[in-house]
Amino acid sequence: LARGLANAVAQAGVDAFVVTLPGYGGRRPP
């Protein structure tokens, strides 16, 4: 959802950023 929302905002001409919380992306949980 965050990726889709960020993509839509960028398509409309505004830079968008998605912050990954602890445990997500490269910050893998134990």
mmCIF file of all heavy atoms, coordinates in Angstrom:
data_MODEL
# 
_entry.id   MODEL 
# 
loop_
_atom_site.group_PDB 
_atom_site.id 
_atom_site.type_symbol 
_atom_site.label_atom_id 
_atom_site.label_alt_id 
_atom_site.label_comp_id 
_atom_site.label_asym_id 
_atom_site.label_entity_id 
_atom_site.label_seq_id 
_atom_site.pdbx_PDB_ins_code 
_atom_site.Cartn_x 
_atom_site.Cartn_y 
_atom_site.Cartn_z 
_atom_site.occupancy 
_atom_site.B_iso_or_equiv 
_atom_site.pdbx_formal_charge 
_atom_site.auth_seq_id 
_atom_site.auth_comp_id 
_atom_site.auth_asym_id 
_atom_site.auth_atom_id 
_atom_site.pdbx_PDB_model_num 
ATOM 1   N N   . LEU A 1 1  ? 0.826  -1.205  0.000   1.00 0.00 ? 1  LEU A N   1 
ATOM 2   C CA  . LEU A 1 1  ? 0.000  0.000   0.000   1.00 0.00 ? 1  LEU A CA  1 
ATOM 3   C C   . LEU A 1 1  ? 0.859  1.254   0.000   1.00 0.00 ? 1  LEU A C   1 
ATOM 4   O O   . LEU A 1 1  ? 0.577  2.216   -0.723  1.00 0.00 ? 1  LEU A O   1 
ATOM 5   C CB  . LEU A 1 1  ? -0.936 -0.002  1.210   1.00 0.00 ? 1  LEU A CB  1 
ATOM 6   C CG  . LEU A 1 1  ? -2.011 -1.092  1.251   1.00 0.00 ? 1  LEU A CG  1 
ATOM 7   C CD1 . LEU A 1 1  ? -2.891 -0.923  2.483   1.00 0.00 ? 1  LEU A CD1 1 
ATOM 8   C CD2 . LEU A 1 1  ? -2.861 -1.083  -0.015  1.00 0.00 ? 1  LEU A CD2 1 
ATOM 9   N N   . ALA A 1 2  ? 1.912  1.263   0.801   1.00 0.00 ? 2  ALA A N   1 
ATOM 10  C CA  . ALA A 1 2  ? 2.784  2.434   0.851   1.00 0.00 ? 2  ALA A CA  1 
ATOM 11  C C   . ALA A 1 2  ? 3.489  2.647   -0.476  1.00 0.00 ? 2  ALA A C   1 
ATOM 12  O O   . ALA A 1 2  ? 3.616  3.786   -0.960  1.00 0.00 ? 2  ALA A O   1 
ATOM 13  C CB  . ALA A 1 2  ? 3.790  2.289   1.987   1.00 0.00 ? 2  ALA A CB  1 
ATOM 14  N N   . ARG A 1 3  ? 3.950  1.565   -1.098  1.00 0.00 ? 3  ARG A N   1 
ATOM 15  C CA  . ARG A 1 3  ? 4.615  1.687   -2.391  1.00 0.00 ? 3  ARG A CA  1 
ATOM 16  C C   . ARG A 1 3  ? 3.656  2.212   -3.459  1.00 0.00 ? 3  ARG A C   1 
ATOM 17  O O   . ARG A 1 3  ? 3.999  3.075   -4.272  1.00 0.00 ? 3  ARG A O   1 
ATOM 18  C CB  . ARG A 1 3  ? 5.178  0.329   -2.831  1.00 0.00 ? 3  ARG A CB  1 
ATOM 19  C CG  . ARG A 1 3  ? 6.389  -0.149  -2.028  1.00 0.00 ? 3  ARG A CG  1 
ATOM 20  C CD  . ARG A 1 3  ? 6.751  -1.569  -2.440  1.00 0.00 ? 3  ARG A CD  1 
ATOM 21  N NE  . ARG A 1 3  ? 7.869  -2.113  -1.712  1.00 0.00 ? 3  ARG A NE  1 
ATOM 22  C CZ  . ARG A 1 3  ? 9.142  -2.046  -2.098  1.00 0.00 ? 3  ARG A CZ  1 
ATOM 23  N NH1 . ARG A 1 3  ? 9.436  -1.424  -3.222  1.00 0.00 ? 3  ARG A NH1 1 
ATOM 24  N NH2 . ARG A 1 3  ? 10.091 -2.577  -1.367  1.00 0.00 ? 3  ARG A NH2 1 
ATOM 25  N N   . GLY A 1 4  ? 2.434  1.656   -3.464  1.00 0.00 ? 4  GLY A N   1 
ATOM 26  C CA  . GLY A 1 4  ? 1.456  2.120   -4.439  1.00 0.00 ? 4  GLY A CA  1 
ATOM 27  C C   . GLY A 1 4  ? 1.091  3.572   -4.233  1.00 0.00 ? 4  GLY A C   1 
ATOM 28  O O   . GLY A 1 4  ? 0.954  4.338   -5.196  1.00 0.00 ? 4  GLY A O   1 
ATOM 29  N N   . LEU A 1 5  ? 0.925  3.971   -2.965  1.00 0.00 ? 5  LEU A N   1 
ATOM 30  C CA  . LEU A 1 5  ? 0.595  5.361   -2.662  1.00 0.00 ? 5  LEU A CA  1 
ATOM 31  C C   . LEU A 1 5  ? 1.735  6.289   -3.067  1.00 0.00 ? 5  LEU A C   1 
ATOM 32  O O   . LEU A 1 5  ? 1.507  7.350   -3.671  1.00 0.00 ? 5  LEU A O   1 
ATOM 33  C CB  . LEU A 1 5  ? 0.296  5.484   -1.171  1.00 0.00 ? 5  LEU A CB  1 
ATOM 34  C CG  . LEU A 1 5  ? -0.266 6.808   -0.667  1.00 0.00 ? 5  LEU A CG  1 
ATOM 35  C CD1 . LEU A 1 5  ? -1.566 7.169   -1.380  1.00 0.00 ? 5  LEU A CD1 1 
ATOM 36  C CD2 . LEU A 1 5  ? -0.492 6.730   0.846   1.00 0.00 ? 5  LEU A CD2 1 
ATOM 37  N N   . ALA A 1 6  ? 2.976  5.898   -2.770  1.00 0.00 ? 6  ALA A N   1 
ATOM 38  C CA  . ALA A 1 6  ? 4.127  6.720   -3.133  1.00 0.00 ? 6  ALA A CA  1 
ATOM 39  C C   . ALA A 1 6  ? 4.252  6.841   -4.647  1.00 0.00 ? 6  ALA A C   1 
ATOM 40  O O   . ALA A 1 6  ? 4.559  7.919   -5.182  1.00 0.00 ? 6  ALA A O   1 
ATOM 41  C CB  . ALA A 1 6  ? 5.399  6.120   -2.540  1.00 0.00 ? 6  ALA A CB  1 
ATOM 42  N N   . ASN A 1 7  ? 4.010  5.753   -5.345  1.00 0.00 ? 7  ASN A N   1 
ATOM 43  C CA  . ASN A 1 7  ? 4.081  5.788   -6.801  1.00 0.00 ? 7  ASN A CA  1 
ATOM 44  C C   . ASN A 1 7  ? 3.037  6.745   -7.385  1.00 0.00 ? 7  ASN A C   1 
ATOM 45  O O   . ASN A 1 7  ? 3.322  7.526   -8.293  1.00 0.00 ? 7  ASN A O   1 
ATOM 46  C CB  . ASN A 1 7  ? 3.874  4.391   -7.364  1.00 0.00 ? 7  ASN A CB  1 
ATOM 47  C CG  . ASN A 1 7  ? 4.089  4.335   -8.865  1.00 0.00 ? 7  ASN A CG  1 
ATOM 48  O OD1 . ASN A 1 7  ? 5.207  4.444   -9.339  1.00 0.00 ? 7  ASN A OD1 1 
ATOM 49  N ND2 . ASN A 1 7  ? 3.011  4.185   -9.614  1.00 0.00 ? 7  ASN A ND2 1 
ATOM 50  N N   . ALA A 1 8  ? 1.825  6.714   -6.852  1.00 0.00 ? 8  ALA A N   1 
ATOM 51  C CA  . ALA A 1 8  ? 0.775  7.596   -7.339  1.00 0.00 ? 8  ALA A CA  1 
ATOM 52  C C   . ALA A 1 8  ? 1.105  9.058   -7.078  1.00 0.00 ? 8  ALA A C   1 
ATOM 53  O O   . ALA A 1 8  ? 0.865  9.926   -7.924  1.00 0.00 ? 8  ALA A O   1 
ATOM 54  C CB  . ALA A 1 8  ? -0.551 7.229   -6.677  1.00 0.00 ? 8  ALA A CB  1 
ATOM 55  N N   . VAL A 1 9  ? 1.653  9.351   -5.912  1.00 0.00 ? 9  VAL A N   1 
ATOM 56  C CA  . VAL A 1 9  ? 2.038  10.731  -5.584  1.00 0.00 ? 9  VAL A CA  1 
ATOM 57  C C   . VAL A 1 9  ? 3.134  11.211  -6.540  1.00 0.00 ? 9  VAL A C   1 
ATOM 58  O O   . VAL A 1 9  ? 3.091  12.342  -7.042  1.00 0.00 ? 9  VAL A O   1 
ATOM 59  C CB  . VAL A 1 9  ? 2.489  10.816  -4.108  1.00 0.00 ? 9  VAL A CB  1 
ATOM 60  C CG1 . VAL A 1 9  ? 3.150  12.159  -3.809  1.00 0.00 ? 9  VAL A CG1 1 
ATOM 61  C CG2 . VAL A 1 9  ? 1.303  10.593  -3.175  1.00 0.00 ? 9  VAL A CG2 1 
ATOM 62  N N   . ALA A 1 10 ? 4.124  10.352  -6.801  1.00 0.00 ? 10 ALA A N   1 
ATOM 63  C CA  . ALA A 1 10 ? 5.199  10.725  -7.719  1.00 0.00 ? 10 ALA A CA  1 
ATOM 64  C C   . ALA A 1 10 ? 4.678  10.935  -9.134  1.00 0.00 ? 10 ALA A C   1 
ATOM 65  O O   . ALA A 1 10 ? 5.108  11.854  -9.842  1.00 0.00 ? 10 ALA A O   1 
ATOM 66  C CB  . ALA A 1 10 ? 6.290  9.653   -7.705  1.00 0.00 ? 10 ALA A CB  1 
ATOM 67  N N   . GLN A 1 11 ? 3.739  10.089  -9.571  1.00 0.00 ? 11 GLN A N   1 
ATOM 68  C CA  . GLN A 1 11 ? 3.137  10.258  -10.904 1.00 0.00 ? 11 GLN A CA  1 
ATOM 69  C C   . GLN A 1 11 ? 2.451  11.612  -11.021 1.00 0.00 ? 11 GLN A C   1 
ATOM 70  O O   . GLN A 1 11 ? 2.374  12.194  -12.106 1.00 0.00 ? 11 GLN A O   1 
ATOM 71  C CB  . GLN A 1 11 ? 2.116  9.139   -11.156 1.00 0.00 ? 11 GLN A CB  1 
ATOM 72  C CG  . GLN A 1 11 ? 2.722  7.772   -11.370 1.00 0.00 ? 11 GLN A CG  1 
ATOM 73  C CD  . GLN A 1 11 ? 3.177  7.557   -12.815 1.00 0.00 ? 11 GLN A CD  1 
ATOM 74  O OE1 . GLN A 1 11 ? 3.266  8.497   -13.589 1.00 0.00 ? 11 GLN A OE1 1 
ATOM 75  N NE2 . GLN A 1 11 ? 3.480  6.330   -13.155 1.00 0.00 ? 11 GLN A NE2 1 
ATOM 76  N N   . ALA A 1 12 ? 1.951  12.120  -9.910  1.00 0.00 ? 12 ALA A N   1 
ATOM 77  C CA  . ALA A 1 12 ? 1.253  13.409  -9.916  1.00 0.00 ? 12 ALA A CA  1 
ATOM 78  C C   . ALA A 1 12 ? 2.204  14.586  -9.769  1.00 0.00 ? 12 ALA A C   1 
ATOM 79  O O   . ALA A 1 12 ? 1.765  15.738  -9.719  1.00 0.00 ? 12 ALA A O   1 
ATOM 80  C CB  . ALA A 1 12 ? 0.223  13.436  -8.788  1.00 0.00 ? 12 ALA A CB  1 
ATOM 81  N N   . GLY A 1 13 ? 3.512  14.331  -9.690  1.00 0.00 ? 13 GLY A N   1 
ATOM 82  C CA  . GLY A 1 13 ? 4.482  15.419  -9.707  1.00 0.00 ? 13 GLY A CA  1 
ATOM 83  C C   . GLY A 1 13 ? 5.094  15.801  -8.383  1.00 0.00 ? 13 GLY A C   1 
ATOM 84  O O   . GLY A 1 13 ? 5.774  16.830  -8.297  1.00 0.00 ? 13 GLY A O   1 
ATOM 85  N N   . VAL A 1 14 ? 4.903  14.993  -7.340  1.00 0.00 ? 14 VAL A N   1 
ATOM 86  C CA  . VAL A 1 14 ? 5.470  15.293  -6.023  1.00 0.00 ? 14 VAL A CA  1 
ATOM 87  C C   . VAL A 1 14 ? 6.348  14.121  -5.598  1.00 0.00 ? 14 VAL A C   1 
ATOM 88  O O   . VAL A 1 14 ? 5.896  12.970  -5.619  1.00 0.00 ? 14 VAL A O   1 
ATOM 89  C CB  . VAL A 1 14 ? 4.364  15.536  -4.976  1.00 0.00 ? 14 VAL A CB  1 
ATOM 90  C CG1 . VAL A 1 14 ? 4.965  15.732  -3.589  1.00 0.00 ? 14 VAL A CG1 1 
ATOM 91  C CG2 . VAL A 1 14 ? 3.530  16.766  -5.358  1.00 0.00 ? 14 VAL A CG2 1 
ATOM 92  N N   . ASP A 1 15 ? 7.586  14.389  -5.205  1.00 0.00 ? 15 ASP A N   1 
ATOM 93  C CA  . ASP A 1 15 ? 8.460  13.319  -4.730  1.00 0.00 ? 15 ASP A CA  1 
ATOM 94  C C   . ASP A 1 15 ? 7.858  12.647  -3.506  1.00 0.00 ? 15 ASP A C   1 
ATOM 95  O O   . ASP A 1 15 ? 7.295  13.314  -2.629  1.00 0.00 ? 15 ASP A O   1 
ATOM 96  C CB  . ASP A 1 15 ? 9.838  13.884  -4.373  1.00 0.00 ? 15 ASP A CB  1 
ATOM 97  C CG  . ASP A 1 15 ? 10.666 14.194  -5.599  1.00 0.00 ? 15 ASP A CG  1 
ATOM 98  O OD1 . ASP A 1 15 ? 10.409 15.233  -6.248  1.00 0.00 ? 15 ASP A OD1 1 
ATOM 99  O OD2 . ASP A 1 15 ? 11.562 13.407  -5.919  1.00 0.00 ? 15 ASP A OD2 1 
ATOM 100 N N   . ALA A 1 16 ? 8.003  11.326  -3.441  1.00 0.00 ? 16 ALA A N   1 
ATOM 101 C CA  . ALA A 1 16 ? 7.441  10.571  -2.322  1.00 0.00 ? 16 ALA A CA  1 
ATOM 102 C C   . ALA A 1 16 ? 8.503  9.639   -1.763  1.00 0.00 ? 16 ALA A C   1 
ATOM 103 O O   . ALA A 1 16 ? 9.355  9.124   -2.498  1.00 0.00 ? 16 ALA A O   1 
ATOM 104 C CB  . ALA A 1 16 ? 6.213  9.774   -2.761  1.00 0.00 ? 16 ALA A CB  1 
ATOM 105 N N   . PHE A 1 17 ? 8.435  9.412   -0.457  1.00 0.00 ? 17 PHE A N   1 
ATOM 106 C CA  . PHE A 1 17 ? 9.409  8.588   0.250   1.00 0.00 ? 17 PHE A CA  1 
ATOM 107 C C   . PHE A 1 17 ? 8.660  7.620   1.160   1.00 0.00 ? 17 PHE A C   1 
ATOM 108 O O   . PHE A 1 17 ? 7.680  7.995   1.797   1.00 0.00 ? 17 PHE A O   1 
ATOM 109 C CB  . PHE A 1 17 ? 10.349 9.450   1.081   1.00 0.00 ? 17 PHE A CB  1 
ATOM 110 C CG  . PHE A 1 17 ? 11.160 10.430  0.281   1.00 0.00 ? 17 PHE A CG  1 
ATOM 111 C CD1 . PHE A 1 17 ? 10.611 11.646  -0.140  1.00 0.00 ? 17 PHE A CD1 1 
ATOM 112 C CD2 . PHE A 1 17 ? 12.470 10.141  -0.063  1.00 0.00 ? 17 PHE A CD2 1 
ATOM 113 C CE1 . PHE A 1 17 ? 11.357 12.549  -0.889  1.00 0.00 ? 17 PHE A CE1 1 
ATOM 114 C CE2 . PHE A 1 17 ? 13.231 11.038  -0.814  1.00 0.00 ? 17 PHE A CE2 1 
ATOM 115 C CZ  . PHE A 1 17 ? 12.667 12.244  -1.224  1.00 0.00 ? 17 PHE A CZ  1 
ATOM 116 N N   . VAL A 1 18 ? 9.138  6.376   1.239   1.00 0.00 ? 18 VAL A N   1 
ATOM 117 C CA  . VAL A 1 18 ? 8.554  5.378   2.135   1.00 0.00 ? 18 VAL A CA  1 
ATOM 118 C C   . VAL A 1 18 ? 9.601  5.012   3.176   1.00 0.00 ? 18 VAL A C   1 
ATOM 119 O O   . VAL A 1 18 ? 10.665 4.473   2.835   1.00 0.00 ? 18 VAL A O   1 
ATOM 120 C CB  . VAL A 1 18 ? 8.098  4.123   1.378   1.00 0.00 ? 18 VAL A CB  1 
ATOM 121 C CG1 . VAL A 1 18 ? 7.583  3.067   2.360   1.00 0.00 ? 18 VAL A CG1 1 
ATOM 122 C CG2 . VAL A 1 18 ? 7.003  4.477   0.369   1.00 0.00 ? 18 VAL A CG2 1 
ATOM 123 N N   . VAL A 1 19 ? 9.314  5.298   4.451   1.00 0.00 ? 19 VAL A N   1 
ATOM 124 C CA  . VAL A 1 19 ? 10.214 4.954   5.550   1.00 0.00 ? 19 VAL A CA  1 
ATOM 125 C C   . VAL A 1 19 ? 9.945  3.517   5.973   1.00 0.00 ? 19 VAL A C   1 
ATOM 126 O O   . VAL A 1 19 ? 8.792  3.148   6.229   1.00 0.00 ? 19 VAL A O   1 
ATOM 127 C CB  . VAL A 1 19 ? 9.993  5.887   6.759   1.00 0.00 ? 19 VAL A CB  1 
ATOM 128 C CG1 . VAL A 1 19 ? 11.019 5.575   7.860   1.00 0.00 ? 19 VAL A CG1 1 
ATOM 129 C CG2 . VAL A 1 19 ? 10.072 7.348   6.348   1.00 0.00 ? 19 VAL A CG2 1 
ATOM 130 N N   . THR A 1 20 ? 10.982 2.698   6.057   1.00 0.00 ? 20 THR A N   1 
ATOM 131 C CA  . THR A 1 20 ? 10.804 1.323   6.503   1.00 0.00 ? 20 THR A CA  1 
ATOM 132 C C   . THR A 1 20 ? 11.006 1.242   8.015   1.00 0.00 ? 20 THR A C   1 
ATOM 133 O O   . THR A 1 20 ? 12.033 1.663   8.540   1.00 0.00 ? 20 THR A O   1 
ATOM 134 C CB  . THR A 1 20 ? 11.803 0.375   5.802   1.00 0.00 ? 20 THR A CB  1 
ATOM 135 O OG1 . THR A 1 20 ? 13.137 0.809   6.051   1.00 0.00 ? 20 THR A OG1 1 
ATOM 136 C CG2 . THR A 1 20 ? 11.551 0.365   4.312   1.00 0.00 ? 20 THR A CG2 1 
ATOM 137 N N   . LEU A 1 21 ? 10.018 0.707   8.699   1.00 0.00 ? 21 LEU A N   1 
ATOM 138 C CA  . LEU A 1 21 ? 10.099 0.529   10.140  1.00 0.00 ? 21 LEU A CA  1 
ATOM 139 C C   . LEU A 1 21 ? 11.042 -0.624  10.486  1.00 0.00 ? 21 LEU A C   1 
ATOM 140 O O   . LEU A 1 21 ? 11.348 -1.459  9.631   1.00 0.00 ? 21 LEU A O   1 
ATOM 141 C CB  . LEU A 1 21 ? 8.706  0.246   10.701  1.00 0.00 ? 21 LEU A CB  1 
ATOM 142 C CG  . LEU A 1 21 ? 7.704  1.401   10.627  1.00 0.00 ? 21 LEU A CG  1 
ATOM 143 C CD1 . LEU A 1 21 ? 6.307  0.927   11.009  1.00 0.00 ? 21 LEU A CD1 1 
ATOM 144 C CD2 . LEU A 1 21 ? 8.136  2.567   11.519  1.00 0.00 ? 21 LEU A CD2 1 
ATOM 145 N N   . PRO A 1 22 ? 11.505 -0.710  11.738  1.00 0.00 ? 22 PRO A N   1 
ATOM 146 C CA  . PRO A 1 22 ? 12.336 -1.841  12.145  1.00 0.00 ? 22 PRO A CA  1 
ATOM 147 C C   . PRO A 1 22 ? 11.654 -3.170  11.811  1.00 0.00 ? 22 PRO A C   1 
ATOM 148 O O   . PRO A 1 22 ? 10.460 -3.345  12.034  1.00 0.00 ? 22 PRO A O   1 
ATOM 149 C CB  . PRO A 1 22 ? 12.457 -1.652  13.664  1.00 0.00 ? 22 PRO A CB  1 
ATOM 150 C CG  . PRO A 1 22 ? 12.321 -0.171  13.864  1.00 0.00 ? 22 PRO A CG  1 
ATOM 151 C CD  . PRO A 1 22 ? 11.319 0.271   12.833  1.00 0.00 ? 22 PRO A CD  1 
ATOM 152 N N   . GLY A 1 23 ? 12.425 -4.090  11.247  1.00 0.00 ? 23 GLY A N   1 
ATOM 153 C CA  . GLY A 1 23 ? 11.885 -5.388  10.851  1.00 0.00 ? 23 GLY A CA  1 
ATOM 154 C C   . GLY A 1 23 ? 11.554 -5.492  9.377   1.00 0.00 ? 23 GLY A C   1 
ATOM 155 O O   . GLY A 1 23 ? 11.301 -6.588  8.873   1.00 0.00 ? 23 GLY A O   1 
ATOM 156 N N   . TYR A 1 24 ? 11.557 -4.360  8.665   1.00 0.00 ? 24 TYR A N   1 
ATOM 157 C CA  . TYR A 1 24 ? 11.144 -4.339  7.260   1.00 0.00 ? 24 TYR A CA  1 
ATOM 158 C C   . TYR A 1 24 ? 12.323 -4.006  6.347   1.00 0.00 ? 24 TYR A C   1 
ATOM 159 O O   . TYR A 1 24 ? 13.333 -3.461  6.788   1.00 0.00 ? 24 TYR A O   1 
ATOM 160 C CB  . TYR A 1 24 ? 10.021 -3.320  7.062   1.00 0.00 ? 24 TYR A CB  1 
ATOM 161 C CG  . TYR A 1 24 ? 8.716  -3.753  7.685   1.00 0.00 ? 24 TYR A CG  1 
ATOM 162 C CD1 . TYR A 1 24 ? 8.494  -3.577  9.046   1.00 0.00 ? 24 TYR A CD1 1 
ATOM 163 C CD2 . TYR A 1 24 ? 7.720  -4.359  6.921   1.00 0.00 ? 24 TYR A CD2 1 
ATOM 164 C CE1 . TYR A 1 24 ? 7.297  -3.983  9.636   1.00 0.00 ? 24 TYR A CE1 1 
ATOM 165 C CE2 . TYR A 1 24 ? 6.528  -4.768  7.503   1.00 0.00 ? 24 TYR A CE2 1 
ATOM 166 C CZ  . TYR A 1 24 ? 6.322  -4.577  8.856   1.00 0.00 ? 24 TYR A CZ  1 
ATOM 167 O OH  . TYR A 1 24 ? 5.151  -4.985  9.435   1.00 0.00 ? 24 TYR A OH  1 
ATOM 168 N N   . GLY A 1 25 ? 12.158 -4.323  5.063   1.00 0.00 ? 25 GLY A N   1 
ATOM 169 C CA  . GLY A 1 25 ? 13.206 -4.045  4.094   1.00 0.00 ? 25 GLY A CA  1 
ATOM 170 C C   . GLY A 1 25 ? 14.485 -4.773  4.470   1.00 0.00 ? 25 GLY A C   1 
ATOM 171 O O   . GLY A 1 25 ? 14.483 -5.967  4.790   1.00 0.00 ? 25 GLY A O   1 
ATOM 172 N N   . GLY A 1 26 ? 15.601 -4.054  4.469   1.00 0.00 ? 26 GLY A N   1 
ATOM 173 C CA  . GLY A 1 26 ? 16.873 -4.640  4.842   1.00 0.00 ? 26 GLY A CA  1 
ATOM 174 C C   . GLY A 1 26 ? 17.066 -4.809  6.337   1.00 0.00 ? 26 GLY A C   1 
ATOM 175 O O   . GLY A 1 26 ? 18.051 -5.396  6.780   1.00 0.00 ? 26 GLY A O   1 
ATOM 176 N N   . ARG A 1 27 ? 16.111 -4.313  7.116   1.00 0.00 ? 27 ARG A N   1 
ATOM 177 C CA  . ARG A 1 27 ? 16.212 -4.392  8.586   1.00 0.00 ? 27 ARG A CA  1 
ATOM 178 C C   . ARG A 1 27 ? 15.454 -5.639  9.061   1.00 0.00 ? 27 ARG A C   1 
ATOM 179 O O   . ARG A 1 27 ? 14.485 -5.558  9.802   1.00 0.00 ? 27 ARG A O   1 
ATOM 180 C CB  . ARG A 1 27 ? 15.635 -3.127  9.204   1.00 0.00 ? 27 ARG A CB  1 
ATOM 181 C CG  . ARG A 1 27 ? 16.184 -1.862  8.567   1.00 0.00 ? 27 ARG A CG  1 
ATOM 182 C CD  . ARG A 1 27 ? 15.442 -0.627  9.041   1.00 0.00 ? 27 ARG A CD  1 
ATOM 183 N NE  . ARG A 1 27 ? 15.862 -0.267  10.393  1.00 0.00 ? 27 ARG A NE  1 
ATOM 184 C CZ  . ARG A 1 27 ? 15.287 0.694   11.106  1.00 0.00 ? 27 ARG A CZ  1 
ATOM 185 N NH1 . ARG A 1 27 ? 14.242 1.346   10.625  1.00 0.00 ? 27 ARG A NH1 1 
ATOM 186 N NH2 . ARG A 1 27 ? 15.725 0.975   12.306  1.00 0.00 ? 27 ARG A NH2 1 
ATOM 187 N N   . ARG A 1 28 ? 15.896 -6.778  8.633   1.00 0.00 ? 28 ARG A N   1 
ATOM 188 C CA  . ARG A 1 28 ? 15.170 -8.023  8.870   1.00 0.00 ? 28 ARG A CA  1 
ATOM 189 C C   . ARG A 1 28 ? 15.091 -8.351  10.357  1.00 0.00 ? 28 ARG A C   1 
ATOM 190 O O   . ARG A 1 28 ? 16.046 -8.151  11.097  1.00 0.00 ? 28 ARG A O   1 
ATOM 191 C CB  . ARG A 1 28 ? 15.830 -9.166  8.107   1.00 0.00 ? 28 ARG A CB  1 
ATOM 192 C CG  . ARG A 1 28 ? 15.787 -8.985  6.594   1.00 0.00 ? 28 ARG A CG  1 
ATOM 193 C CD  . ARG A 1 28 ? 16.423 -10.169 5.886   1.00 0.00 ? 28 ARG A CD  1 
ATOM 194 N NE  . ARG A 1 28 ? 16.431 -9.968  4.446   1.00 0.00 ? 28 ARG A NE  1 
ATOM 195 C CZ  . ARG A 1 28 ? 15.396 -10.203 3.655   1.00 0.00 ? 28 ARG A CZ  1 
ATOM 196 N NH1 . ARG A 1 28 ? 14.279 -10.670 4.168   1.00 0.00 ? 28 ARG A NH1 1 
ATOM 197 N NH2 . ARG A 1 28 ? 15.485 -9.995  2.353   1.00 0.00 ? 28 ARG A NH2 1 
ATOM 198 N N   . PRO A 1 29 ? 13.955 -8.900  10.793  1.00 0.00 ? 29 PRO A N   1 
ATOM 199 C CA  . PRO A 1 29 ? 13.811 -9.264  12.207  1.00 0.00 ? 29 PRO A CA  1 
ATOM 200 C C   . PRO A 1 29 ? 14.590 -10.533 12.528  1.00 0.00 ? 29 PRO A C   1 
ATOM 201 O O   . PRO A 1 29 ? 14.987 -11.276 11.618  1.00 0.00 ? 29 PRO A O   1 
ATOM 202 C CB  . PRO A 1 29 ? 12.308 -9.499  12.351  1.00 0.00 ? 29 PRO A CB  1 
ATOM 203 C CG  . PRO A 1 29 ? 11.895 -9.986  10.995  1.00 0.00 ? 29 PRO A CG  1 
ATOM 204 C CD  . PRO A 1 29 ? 12.744 -9.213  10.015  1.00 0.00 ? 29 PRO A CD  1 
ATOM 205 N N   . PRO A 1 30 ? 14.811 -10.823 13.802  1.00 0.00 ? 30 PRO A N   1 
ATOM 206 C CA  . PRO A 1 30 ? 15.454 -12.091 14.176  1.00 0.00 ? 30 PRO A CA  1 
ATOM 207 C C   . PRO A 1 30 ? 14.621 -13.271 13.683  1.00 0.00 ? 30 PRO A C   1 
ATOM 208 O O   . PRO A 1 30 ? 13.410 -13.156 13.468  1.00 0.00 ? 30 PRO A O   1 
ATOM 209 C CB  . PRO A 1 30 ? 15.473 -12.034 15.705  1.00 0.00 ? 30 PRO A CB  1 
ATOM 210 C CG  . PRO A 1 30 ? 15.334 -10.588 16.051  1.00 0.00 ? 30 PRO A CG  1 
ATOM 211 C CD  . PRO A 1 30 ? 14.499 -9.983  14.965  1.00 0.00 ? 30 PRO A CD  1 
# 
